[in-house]
PDB file of N, CA and C in Angstrom:
ATOM      1  N   MET A   1     -12.015  11.380  -7.660  1.00  0.00           N
ATOM      2  CA  MET A   1     -13.076  10.816  -6.895  1.00  0.00           C
ATOM      3  C   MET A   1     -13.184  11.508  -5.534  1.00  0.00           C
ATOM      4  N   ALA A   2     -12.051  11.917  -4.969  1.00  0.00           N
ATOM      5  CA  ALA A   2     -12.120  12.580  -3.664  1.00  0.00           C
ATOM      6  C   ALA A   2     -12.934  13.862  -3.752  1.00  0.00           C
ATOM      7  N   LYS A   3     -12.820  14.600  -4.846  1.00  0.00           N
ATOM      8  CA  LYS A   3     -13.630  15.835  -5.022  1.00  0.00           C
ATOM      9  C   LYS A   3     -15.102  15.485  -5.150  1.00  0.00           C
ATOM     10  N   GLU A   4     -15.380  14.448  -5.894  1.00  0.00           N
ATOM     11  CA  GLU A   4     -16.747  14.049  -6.137  1.00  0.00           C
ATOM     12  C   GLU A   4     -17.461  13.500  -4.899  1.00  0.00           C
ATOM     13  N   TRP A   5     -16.742  12.680  -4.142  1.00  0.00           N
ATOM     14  CA  TRP A   5     -17.370  11.998  -2.999  1.00  0.00           C
ATOM     15  C   TRP A   5     -17.165  12.740  -1.664  1.00  0.00           C
ATOM     16  N   GLY A   6     -16.283  13.711  -1.644  1.00  0.00           N
ATOM     17  CA  GLY A   6     -16.032  14.447  -0.399  1.00  0.00           C
ATOM     18  C   GLY A   6     -17.276  15.099   0.197  1.00  0.00           C
ATOM     19  N   ARG A   7     -18.131  15.613  -0.672  1.00  0.00           N
ATOM     20  CA  ARG A   7     -19.351  16.260  -0.146  1.00  0.00           C
ATOM     21  C   ARG A   7     -20.278  15.313   0.574  1.00  0.00           C
ATOM     22  N   TYR A   8     -20.077  13.979   0.316  1.00  0.00           N
ATOM     23  CA  TYR A   8     -20.867  12.974   1.012  1.00  0.00           C
ATOM     24  C   TYR A   8     -20.099  12.426   2.227  1.00  0.00           C
ATOM     25  N   LYS A   9     -19.022  13.086   2.613  1.00  0.00           N
ATOM     26  CA  LYS A   9     -18.180  12.664   3.743  1.00  0.00           C
ATOM     27  C   LYS A   9     -17.522  11.337   3.518  1.00  0.00           C
ATOM     28  N   VAL A  10     -17.160  11.067   2.246  1.00  0.00           N
ATOM     29  CA  VAL A  10     -16.449   9.815   1.907  1.00  0.00           C
ATOM     30  C   VAL A  10     -15.010  10.188   1.559  1.00  0.00           C
ATOM     31  N   ASN A  11     -14.068   9.535   2.272  1.00  0.00           N
ATOM     32  CA  ASN A  11     -12.645   9.699   1.943  1.00  0.00           C
ATOM     33  C   ASN A  11     -12.258   8.710   0.868  1.00  0.00           C
ATOM     34  N   VAL A  12     -11.482   9.190  -0.106  1.00  0.00           N
ATOM     35  CA  VAL A  12     -11.061   8.336  -1.211  1.00  0.00           C
ATOM     36  C   VAL A  12      -9.525   8.330  -1.205  1.00  0.00           C
ATOM     37  N   ASN A  13      -8.967   7.170  -0.978  1.00  0.00           N
ATOM     38  CA  ASN A  13      -7.514   6.991  -0.934  1.00  0.00           C
ATOM     39  C   ASN A  13      -7.144   5.681  -1.578  1.00  0.00           C
ATOM     40  N   ALA A  14      -5.847   5.498  -1.860  1.00  0.00           N
ATOM     41  CA  ALA A  14      -5.387   4.245  -2.415  1.00  0.00           C
ATOM     42  C   ALA A  14      -4.021   3.910  -1.788  1.00  0.00           C
ATOM     43  N   VAL A  15      -3.680   2.641  -1.799  1.00  0.00           N
ATOM     44  CA  VAL A  15      -2.372   2.173  -1.336  1.00  0.00           C
ATOM     45  C   VAL A  15      -1.705   1.489  -2.521  1.00  0.00           C
ATOM     46  N   ALA A  16      -0.506   1.949  -2.900  1.00  0.00           N
ATOM     47  CA  ALA A  16       0.249   1.380  -3.992  1.00  0.00           C
ATOM     48  C   ALA A  16       1.429   0.621  -3.392  1.00  0.00           C
ATOM     49  N   PHE A  17       1.433  -0.706  -3.544  1.00  0.00           N
ATOM     50  CA  PHE A  17       2.483  -1.519  -2.965  1.00  0.00           C
ATOM     51  C   PHE A  17       3.643  -1.716  -3.927  1.00  0.00           C
ATOM     52  N   GLY A  18       4.844  -1.698  -3.377  1.00  0.00           N
ATOM     53  CA  GLY A  18       6.020  -2.104  -4.096  1.00  0.00           C
ATOM     54  C   GLY A  18       6.229  -3.584  -3.879  1.00  0.00           C
ATOM     55  N   LEU A  19       7.496  -3.972  -3.736  1.00  0.00           N
ATOM     56  CA  LEU A  19       7.840  -5.371  -3.520  1.00  0.00           C
ATOM     57  C   LEU A  19       7.470  -5.810  -2.103  1.00  0.00           C
ATOM     58  N   ILE A  20       6.504  -6.673  -1.985  1.00  0.00           N
ATOM     59  CA  ILE A  20       6.092  -7.234  -0.702  1.00  0.00           C
ATOM     60  C   ILE A  20       6.399  -8.736  -0.780  1.00  0.00           C
ATOM     61  N   MET A  21       7.153  -9.215   0.201  1.00  0.00           N
ATOM     62  CA  MET A  21       7.577 -10.600   0.222  1.00  0.00           C
ATOM     63  C   MET A  21       6.437 -11.488   0.743  1.00  0.00           C
ATOM     64  N   THR A  22       5.861 -12.258  -0.152  1.00  0.00           N
ATOM     65  CA  THR A  22       4.753 -13.142   0.188  1.00  0.00           C
ATOM     66  C   THR A  22       5.092 -14.531  -0.314  1.00  0.00           C
ATOM     67  N   ARG A  23       4.173 -15.458  -0.151  1.00  0.00           N
ATOM     68  CA  ARG A  23       4.434 -16.815  -0.635  1.00  0.00           C
ATOM     69  C   ARG A  23       4.533 -16.826  -2.140  1.00  0.00           C
ATOM     70  N   LEU A  24       4.006 -15.816  -2.824  1.00  0.00           N
ATOM     71  CA  LEU A  24       4.122 -15.753  -4.280  1.00  0.00           C
ATOM     72  C   LEU A  24       5.500 -15.285  -4.742  1.00  0.00           C
ATOM     73  N   THR A  25       6.184 -14.496  -3.919  1.00  0.00           N
ATOM     74  CA  THR A  25       7.484 -14.000  -4.322  1.00  0.00           C
ATOM     75  C   THR A  25       8.624 -14.780  -3.719  1.00  0.00           C
ATOM     76  N   GLU A  26       8.395 -15.474  -2.606  1.00  0.00           N
ATOM     77  CA  GLU A  26       9.482 -16.165  -1.941  1.00  0.00           C
ATOM     78  C   GLU A  26       9.900 -17.465  -2.591  1.00  0.00           C
ATOM     79  N   ALA A  27       9.002 -18.101  -3.338  1.00  0.00           N
ATOM     80  CA  ALA A  27       9.339 -19.349  -4.012  1.00  0.00           C
ATOM     81  C   ALA A  27      10.201 -19.023  -5.220  1.00  0.00           C
ATOM     82  N   PRO A  28      11.248 -19.821  -5.501  1.00  0.00           N
ATOM     83  CA  PRO A  28      12.044 -19.586  -6.653  1.00  0.00           C
ATOM     84  C   PRO A  28      11.260 -19.952  -7.943  1.00  0.00           C
ATOM     85  N   ALA A  29      11.429 -19.112  -8.946  1.00  0.00           N
ATOM     86  CA  ALA A  29      10.786 -19.384 -10.262  1.00  0.00           C
ATOM     87  C   ALA A  29      11.271 -20.712 -10.789  1.00  0.00           C
ATOM     88  N   HIS A  30      10.459 -21.435 -11.469  1.00  0.00           N
ATOM     89  CA  HIS A  30      10.774 -22.708 -12.054  1.00  0.00           C
ATOM     90  C   HIS A  30      11.149 -23.746 -10.981  1.00  0.00           C
ATOM     91  N   GLY A  31      10.768 -23.452  -9.722  1.00  0.00           N
ATOM     92  CA  GLY A  31      11.052 -24.398  -8.642  1.00  0.00           C
ATOM     93  C   GLY A  31       9.921 -25.380  -8.405  1.00  0.00           C
ATOM     94  N   GLY A  32       8.890 -25.222  -9.217  1.00  0.00           N
ATOM     95  CA  GLY A  32       7.758 -26.149  -9.065  1.00  0.00           C
ATOM     96  C   GLY A  32       6.711 -25.733  -8.062  1.00  0.00           C
ATOM     97  N   ALA A  33       6.893 -24.570  -7.406  1.00  0.00           N
ATOM     98  CA  ALA A  33       5.934 -24.141  -6.412  1.00  0.00           C
ATOM     99  C   ALA A  33       4.613 -23.710  -7.090  1.00  0.00           C
ATOM    100  N   THR A  34       3.525 -24.116  -6.507  1.00  0.00           N
ATOM    101  CA  THR A  34       2.212 -23.732  -7.041  1.00  0.00           C
ATOM    102  C   THR A  34       1.271 -23.397  -5.908  1.00  0.00           C
ATOM    103  N   ILE A  35       0.213 -22.701  -6.248  1.00  0.00           N
ATOM    104  CA  ILE A  35      -0.884 -22.479  -5.308  1.00  0.00           C
ATOM    105  C   ILE A  35      -2.161 -22.884  -5.997  1.00  0.00           C
ATOM    106  N   ASP A  36      -3.138 -23.244  -5.176  1.00  0.00           N
ATOM    107  CA  ASP A  36      -4.428 -23.668  -5.706  1.00  0.00           C
ATOM    108  C   ASP A  36      -5.416 -22.467  -5.637  1.00  0.00           C
ATOM    109  N   ILE A  37      -5.904 -22.077  -6.796  1.00  0.00           N
ATOM    110  CA  ILE A  37      -6.893 -21.001  -6.880  1.00  0.00           C
ATOM    111  C   ILE A  37      -8.131 -21.578  -7.623  1.00  0.00           C
ATOM    112  N   ALA A  38      -9.202 -21.712  -6.889  1.00  0.00           N
ATOM    113  CA  ALA A  38     -10.444 -22.207  -7.438  1.00  0.00           C
ATOM    114  C   ALA A  38     -10.249 -23.530  -8.199  1.00  0.00           C
ATOM    115  N   GLY A  39      -9.443 -24.405  -7.600  1.00  0.00           N
ATOM    116  CA  GLY A  39      -9.225 -25.712  -8.197  1.00  0.00           C
ATOM    117  C   GLY A  39      -8.224 -25.759  -9.303  1.00  0.00           C
ATOM    118  N   ARG A  40      -7.538 -24.643  -9.589  1.00  0.00           N
ATOM    119  CA  ARG A  40      -6.476 -24.626 -10.613  1.00  0.00           C
ATOM    120  C   ARG A  40      -5.143 -24.435  -9.938  1.00  0.00           C
ATOM    121  N   GLU A  41      -4.157 -25.212 -10.353  1.00  0.00           N
ATOM    122  CA  GLU A  41      -2.799 -25.056  -9.828  1.00  0.00           C
ATOM    123  C   GLU A  41      -2.085 -23.961 -10.623  1.00  0.00           C
ATOM    124  N   ILE A  42      -1.668 -22.922  -9.968  1.00  0.00           N
ATOM    125  CA  ILE A  42      -0.999 -21.774 -10.586  1.00  0.00           C
ATOM    126  C   ILE A  42       0.458 -21.765 -10.139  1.00  0.00           C
ATOM    127  N   ALA A  43       1.395 -21.708 -11.082  1.00  0.00           N
ATOM    128  CA  ALA A  43       2.803 -21.645 -10.773  1.00  0.00           C
ATOM    129  C   ALA A  43       3.107 -20.290 -10.168  1.00  0.00           C
ATOM    130  N   VAL A  44       3.951 -20.278  -9.151  1.00  0.00           N
ATOM    131  CA  VAL A  44       4.356 -19.021  -8.497  1.00  0.00           C
ATOM    132  C   VAL A  44       5.858 -18.978  -8.378  1.00  0.00           C
ATOM    133  N   GLY A  45       6.380 -17.813  -8.064  1.00  0.00           N
ATOM    134  CA  GLY A  45       7.815 -17.652  -7.831  1.00  0.00           C
ATOM    135  C   GLY A  45       8.442 -16.600  -8.663  1.00  0.00           C
ATOM    136  N   VAL A  46       9.594 -16.145  -8.210  1.00  0.00           N
ATOM    137  CA  VAL A  46      10.372 -15.104  -8.883  1.00  0.00           C
ATOM    138  C   VAL A  46      11.784 -15.560  -8.928  1.00  0.00           C
ATOM    139  N   ARG A  47      12.465 -15.321 -10.020  1.00  0.00           N
ATOM    140  CA  ARG A  47      13.878 -15.679 -10.147  1.00  0.00           C
ATOM    141  C   ARG A  47      14.688 -14.935  -9.056  1.00  0.00           C
ATOM    142  N   PRO A  48      15.546 -15.646  -8.351  1.00  0.00           N
ATOM    143  CA  PRO A  48      16.302 -15.021  -7.234  1.00  0.00           C
ATOM    144  C   PRO A  48      17.092 -13.775  -7.704  1.00  0.00           C
ATOM    145  N   GLU A  49      17.634 -13.820  -8.889  1.00  0.00           N
ATOM    146  CA  GLU A  49      18.426 -12.640  -9.362  1.00  0.00           C
ATOM    147  C   GLU A  49      17.516 -11.416  -9.589  1.00  0.00           C
ATOM    148  N   VAL A  50      16.258 -11.651  -9.935  1.00  0.00           N
ATOM    149  CA  VAL A  50      15.303 -10.538 -10.099  1.00  0.00           C
ATOM    150  C   VAL A  50      14.986  -9.939  -8.733  1.00  0.00           C
ATOM    151  N   LEU A  51      14.789 -10.782  -7.743  1.00  0.00           N
ATOM    152  CA  LEU A  51      14.544 -10.273  -6.385  1.00  0.00           C
ATOM    153  C   LEU A  51      15.719  -9.517  -5.823  1.00  0.00           C
ATOM    154  N   LYS A  52      16.916 -10.046  -6.027  1.00  0.00           N
ATOM    155  CA  LYS A  52      18.119  -9.384  -5.536  1.00  0.00           C
ATOM    156  C   LYS A  52      18.273  -8.000  -6.196  1.00  0.00           C
ATOM    157  N   ASN A  53      18.058  -7.942  -7.493  1.00  0.00           N
ATOM    158  CA  ASN A  53      18.146  -6.665  -8.227  1.00  0.00           C
ATOM    159  C   ASN A  53      17.098  -5.697  -7.699  1.00  0.00           C
ATOM    160  N   ALA A  54      15.892  -6.163  -7.494  1.00  0.00           N
ATOM    161  CA  ALA A  54      14.810  -5.282  -7.012  1.00  0.00           C
ATOM    162  C   ALA A  54      15.159  -4.736  -5.620  1.00  0.00           C
ATOM    163  N   GLU A  55      15.711  -5.579  -4.764  1.00  0.00           N
ATOM    164  CA  GLU A  55      16.045  -5.139  -3.411  1.00  0.00           C
ATOM    165  C   GLU A  55      17.177  -4.146  -3.394  1.00  0.00           C
ATOM    166  N   THR A  56      18.097  -4.199  -4.347  1.00  0.00           N
ATOM    167  CA  THR A  56      19.185  -3.204  -4.392  1.00  0.00           C
ATOM    168  C   THR A  56      18.654  -1.828  -4.786  1.00  0.00           C
ATOM    169  N   MET A  57      17.498  -1.798  -5.434  1.00  0.00           N
ATOM    170  CA  MET A  57      16.918  -0.539  -5.857  1.00  0.00           C
ATOM    171  C   MET A  57      16.015   0.098  -4.796  1.00  0.00           C
ATOM    172  N   ILE A  58      15.754  -0.624  -3.720  1.00  0.00           N
ATOM    173  CA  ILE A  58      14.894  -0.155  -2.653  1.00  0.00           C
ATOM    174  C   ILE A  58      15.794   0.481  -1.585  1.00  0.00           C
ATOM    175  N   PRO A  59      15.561   1.755  -1.238  1.00  0.00           N
ATOM    176  CA  PRO A  59      16.436   2.430  -0.269  1.00  0.00           C
ATOM    177  C   PRO A  59      16.543   1.688   1.098  1.00  0.00           C
ATOM    178  N   LEU A  60      15.466   1.021   1.533  1.00  0.00           N
ATOM    179  CA  LEU A  60      15.542   0.265   2.775  1.00  0.00           C
ATOM    180  C   LEU A  60      16.243  -1.076   2.607  1.00  0.00           C
ATOM    181  N   GLY A  61      16.585  -1.456   1.362  1.00  0.00           N
ATOM    182  CA  GLY A  61      17.410  -2.614   1.109  1.00  0.00           C
ATOM    183  C   GLY A  61      16.727  -3.970   1.175  1.00  0.00           C
ATOM    184  N   ARG A  62      15.400  -3.987   1.197  1.00  0.00           N
ATOM    185  CA  ARG A  62      14.675  -5.249   1.286  1.00  0.00           C
ATOM    186  C   ARG A  62      13.238  -5.041   0.828  1.00  0.00           C
ATOM    187  N   GLY A  63      12.600  -6.136   0.527  1.00  0.00           N
ATOM    188  CA  GLY A  63      11.174  -6.115   0.263  1.00  0.00           C
ATOM    189  C   GLY A  63      10.412  -5.977   1.584  1.00  0.00           C
ATOM    190  N   GLY A  64       9.194  -5.517   1.468  1.00  0.00           N
ATOM    191  CA  GLY A  64       8.340  -5.327   2.670  1.00  0.00           C
ATOM    192  C   GLY A  64       7.755  -6.633   3.123  1.00  0.00           C
ATOM    193  N   ARG A  65       7.350  -6.638   4.384  1.00  0.00           N
ATOM    194  CA  ARG A  65       6.645  -7.801   4.961  1.00  0.00           C
ATOM    195  C   ARG A  65       5.142  -7.552   4.863  1.00  0.00           C
ATOM    196  N   PRO A  66       4.338  -8.613   4.794  1.00  0.00           N
ATOM    197  CA  PRO A  66       2.895  -8.436   4.706  1.00  0.00           C
ATOM    198  C   PRO A  66       2.305  -7.583   5.820  1.00  0.00           C
ATOM    199  N   GLU A  67       2.831  -7.705   7.030  1.00  0.00           N
ATOM    200  CA  GLU A  67       2.298  -6.896   8.139  1.00  0.00           C
ATOM    201  C   GLU A  67       2.604  -5.424   7.979  1.00  0.00           C
ATOM    202  N   GLU A  68       3.714  -5.132   7.291  1.00  0.00           N
ATOM    203  CA  GLU A  68       4.038  -3.733   6.985  1.00  0.00           C
ATOM    204  C   GLU A  68       3.081  -3.184   5.944  1.00  0.00           C
ATOM    205  N   ALA A  69       2.777  -3.979   4.957  1.00  0.00           N
ATOM    206  CA  ALA A  69       1.796  -3.598   3.938  1.00  0.00           C
ATOM    207  C   ALA A  69       0.451  -3.356   4.575  1.00  0.00           C
ATOM    208  N   ALA A  70       0.050  -4.252   5.470  1.00  0.00           N
ATOM    209  CA  ALA A  70      -1.232  -4.138   6.140  1.00  0.00           C
ATOM    210  C   ALA A  70      -1.298  -2.873   6.993  1.00  0.00           C
ATOM    211  N   GLY A  71      -0.167  -2.470   7.550  1.00  0.00           N
ATOM    212  CA  GLY A  71      -0.138  -1.274   8.386  1.00  0.00           C
ATOM    213  C   GLY A  71      -0.529  -0.024   7.652  1.00  0.00           C
ATOM    214  N   SER A  72      -0.184   0.053   6.378  1.00  0.00           N
ATOM    215  CA  SER A  72      -0.567   1.258   5.613  1.00  0.00           C
ATOM    216  C   SER A  72      -2.063   1.285   5.371  1.00  0.00           C
ATOM    217  N   VAL A  73      -2.679   0.140   5.202  1.00  0.00           N
ATOM    218  CA  VAL A  73      -4.134   0.080   5.044  1.00  0.00           C
ATOM    219  C   VAL A  73      -4.786   0.411   6.367  1.00  0.00           C
ATOM    220  N   TYR A  74      -4.258  -0.113   7.459  1.00  0.00           N
ATOM    221  CA  TYR A  74      -4.784   0.184   8.760  1.00  0.00           C
ATOM    222  C   TYR A  74      -4.749   1.685   9.058  1.00  0.00           C
ATOM    223  N   LEU A  75      -3.640   2.313   8.653  1.00  0.00           N
ATOM    224  CA  LEU A  75      -3.537   3.769   8.866  1.00  0.00           C
ATOM    225  C   LEU A  75      -4.770   4.492   8.326  1.00  0.00           C
ATOM    226  N   LEU A  76      -5.228   4.091   7.182  1.00  0.00           N
ATOM    227  CA  LEU A  76      -6.369   4.788   6.570  1.00  0.00           C
ATOM    228  C   LEU A  76      -7.703   4.414   7.239  1.00  0.00           C
ATOM    229  N   CYS A  77      -7.686   3.436   8.116  1.00  0.00           N
ATOM    230  CA  CYS A  77      -8.904   2.986   8.803  1.00  0.00           C
ATOM    231  C   CYS A  77      -9.111   3.587  10.187  1.00  0.00           C
ATOM    232  N   ILE A  78      -8.070   4.218  10.758  1.00  0.00           N
ATOM    233  CA  ILE A  78      -8.195   4.736  12.091  1.00  0.00           C
ATOM    234  C   ILE A  78      -8.700   6.170  12.066  1.00  0.00           C
ATOM    235  N   PRO A  79      -9.352   6.621  13.137  1.00  0.00           N
ATOM    236  CA  PRO A  79      -9.908   7.985  13.158  1.00  0.00           C
ATOM    237  C   PRO A  79      -8.889   9.083  12.917  1.00  0.00           C
ATOM    238  N   GLU A  80      -7.630   8.868  13.289  1.00  0.00           N
ATOM    239  CA  GLU A  80      -6.611   9.898  13.113  1.00  0.00           C
ATOM    240  C   GLU A  80      -6.378  10.228  11.627  1.00  0.00           C
ATOM    241  N   SER A  81      -6.863   9.409  10.734  1.00  0.00           N
ATOM    242  CA  SER A  81      -6.664   9.678   9.279  1.00  0.00           C
ATOM    243  C   SER A  81      -7.913  10.228   8.653  1.00  0.00           C
ATOM    244  N   ASP A  82      -8.882  10.672   9.435  1.00  0.00           N
ATOM    245  CA  ASP A  82     -10.144  11.125   8.871  1.00  0.00           C
ATOM    246  C   ASP A  82     -10.023  12.321   7.904  1.00  0.00           C
ATOM    247  N   TYR A  83      -8.977  13.121   8.004  1.00  0.00           N
ATOM    248  CA  TYR A  83      -8.832  14.257   7.135  1.00  0.00           C
ATOM    249  C   TYR A  83      -7.919  13.972   5.970  1.00  0.00           C
ATOM    250  N   ILE A  84      -7.497  12.735   5.793  1.00  0.00           N
ATOM    251  CA  ILE A  84      -6.711  12.333   4.645  1.00  0.00           C
ATOM    252  C   ILE A  84      -7.649  11.885   3.548  1.00  0.00           C
ATOM    253  N   SER A  85      -7.590  12.530   2.384  1.00  0.00           N
ATOM    254  CA  SER A  85      -8.422  12.164   1.261  1.00  0.00           C
ATOM    255  C   SER A  85      -7.740  12.576  -0.039  1.00  0.00           C
ATOM    256  N   GLY A  86      -7.913  11.791  -1.050  1.00  0.00           N
ATOM    257  CA  GLY A  86      -7.355  12.091  -2.359  1.00  0.00           C
ATOM    258  C   GLY A  86      -5.872  11.718  -2.457  1.00  0.00           C
ATOM    259  N   GLN A  87      -5.425  10.769  -1.647  1.00  0.00           N
ATOM    260  CA  GLN A  87      -4.012  10.442  -1.624  1.00  0.00           C
ATOM    261  C   GLN A  87      -3.753   9.012  -2.064  1.00  0.00           C
ATOM    262  N   VAL A  88      -2.571   8.815  -2.636  1.00  0.00           N
ATOM    263  CA  VAL A  88      -2.078   7.478  -2.916  1.00  0.00           C
ATOM    264  C   VAL A  88      -0.847   7.289  -2.033  1.00  0.00           C
ATOM    265  N   ILE A  89      -0.929   6.344  -1.108  1.00  0.00           N
ATOM    266  CA  ILE A  89       0.170   6.082  -0.214  1.00  0.00           C
ATOM    267  C   ILE A  89       1.049   4.991  -0.866  1.00  0.00           C
ATOM    268  N   GLN A  90       2.304   5.333  -1.117  1.00  0.00           N
ATOM    269  CA  GLN A  90       3.215   4.396  -1.741  1.00  0.00           C
ATOM    270  C   GLN A  90       3.954   3.650  -0.655  1.00  0.00           C
ATOM    271  N   VAL A  91       3.770   2.329  -0.649  1.00  0.00           N
ATOM    272  CA  VAL A  91       4.429   1.450   0.331  1.00  0.00           C
ATOM    273  C   VAL A  91       5.504   0.705  -0.439  1.00  0.00           C
ATOM    274  N   THR A  92       6.649   1.372  -0.611  1.00  0.00           N
ATOM    275  CA  THR A  92       7.712   0.888  -1.496  1.00  0.00           C
ATOM    276  C   THR A  92       9.077   0.809  -0.844  1.00  0.00           C
ATOM    277  N   GLY A  93       9.184   1.082   0.460  1.00  0.00           N
ATOM    278  CA  GLY A  93      10.483   1.092   1.086  1.00  0.00           C
ATOM    279  C   GLY A  93      11.336   2.279   0.624  1.00  0.00           C
ATOM    280  N   GLY A  94      10.700   3.279   0.052  1.00  0.00           N
ATOM    281  CA  GLY A  94      11.434   4.475  -0.400  1.00  0.00           C
ATOM    282  C   GLY A  94      11.653   4.523  -1.904  1.00  0.00           C
ATOM    283  N   ARG A  95      11.355   3.456  -2.586  1.00  0.00           N
ATOM    284  CA  ARG A  95      11.545   3.449  -4.041  1.00  0.00           C
ATOM    285  C   ARG A  95      10.450   4.245  -4.718  1.00  0.00           C
ATOM    286  N   PRO A  96      10.833   5.166  -5.558  1.00  0.00           N
ATOM    287  CA  PRO A  96       9.808   6.001  -6.249  1.00  0.00           C
ATOM    288  C   PRO A  96       8.979   5.185  -7.238  1.00  0.00           C
TER     289      PRO A  96
END
């Protein structure tokens, strides 16, 4: 897409998130936590042992915070990134 849209001065990039700690991941699985989406109660949560295992595989040793995830999107919005196109930015704490 970057090749196709570049001639129109459109930058095409993507952000690929790894483990980001949000209200969906912080609740323990089977703990009864739910969120309301369009009037439907959806169960949320991750088993603690799955989170611990995932964090041991991340070189920074932890899941990301939402503001860190947002920072990568912000990077692509500022003028200093105008020459970045055709890239996928991996926000994974170093995990491939």
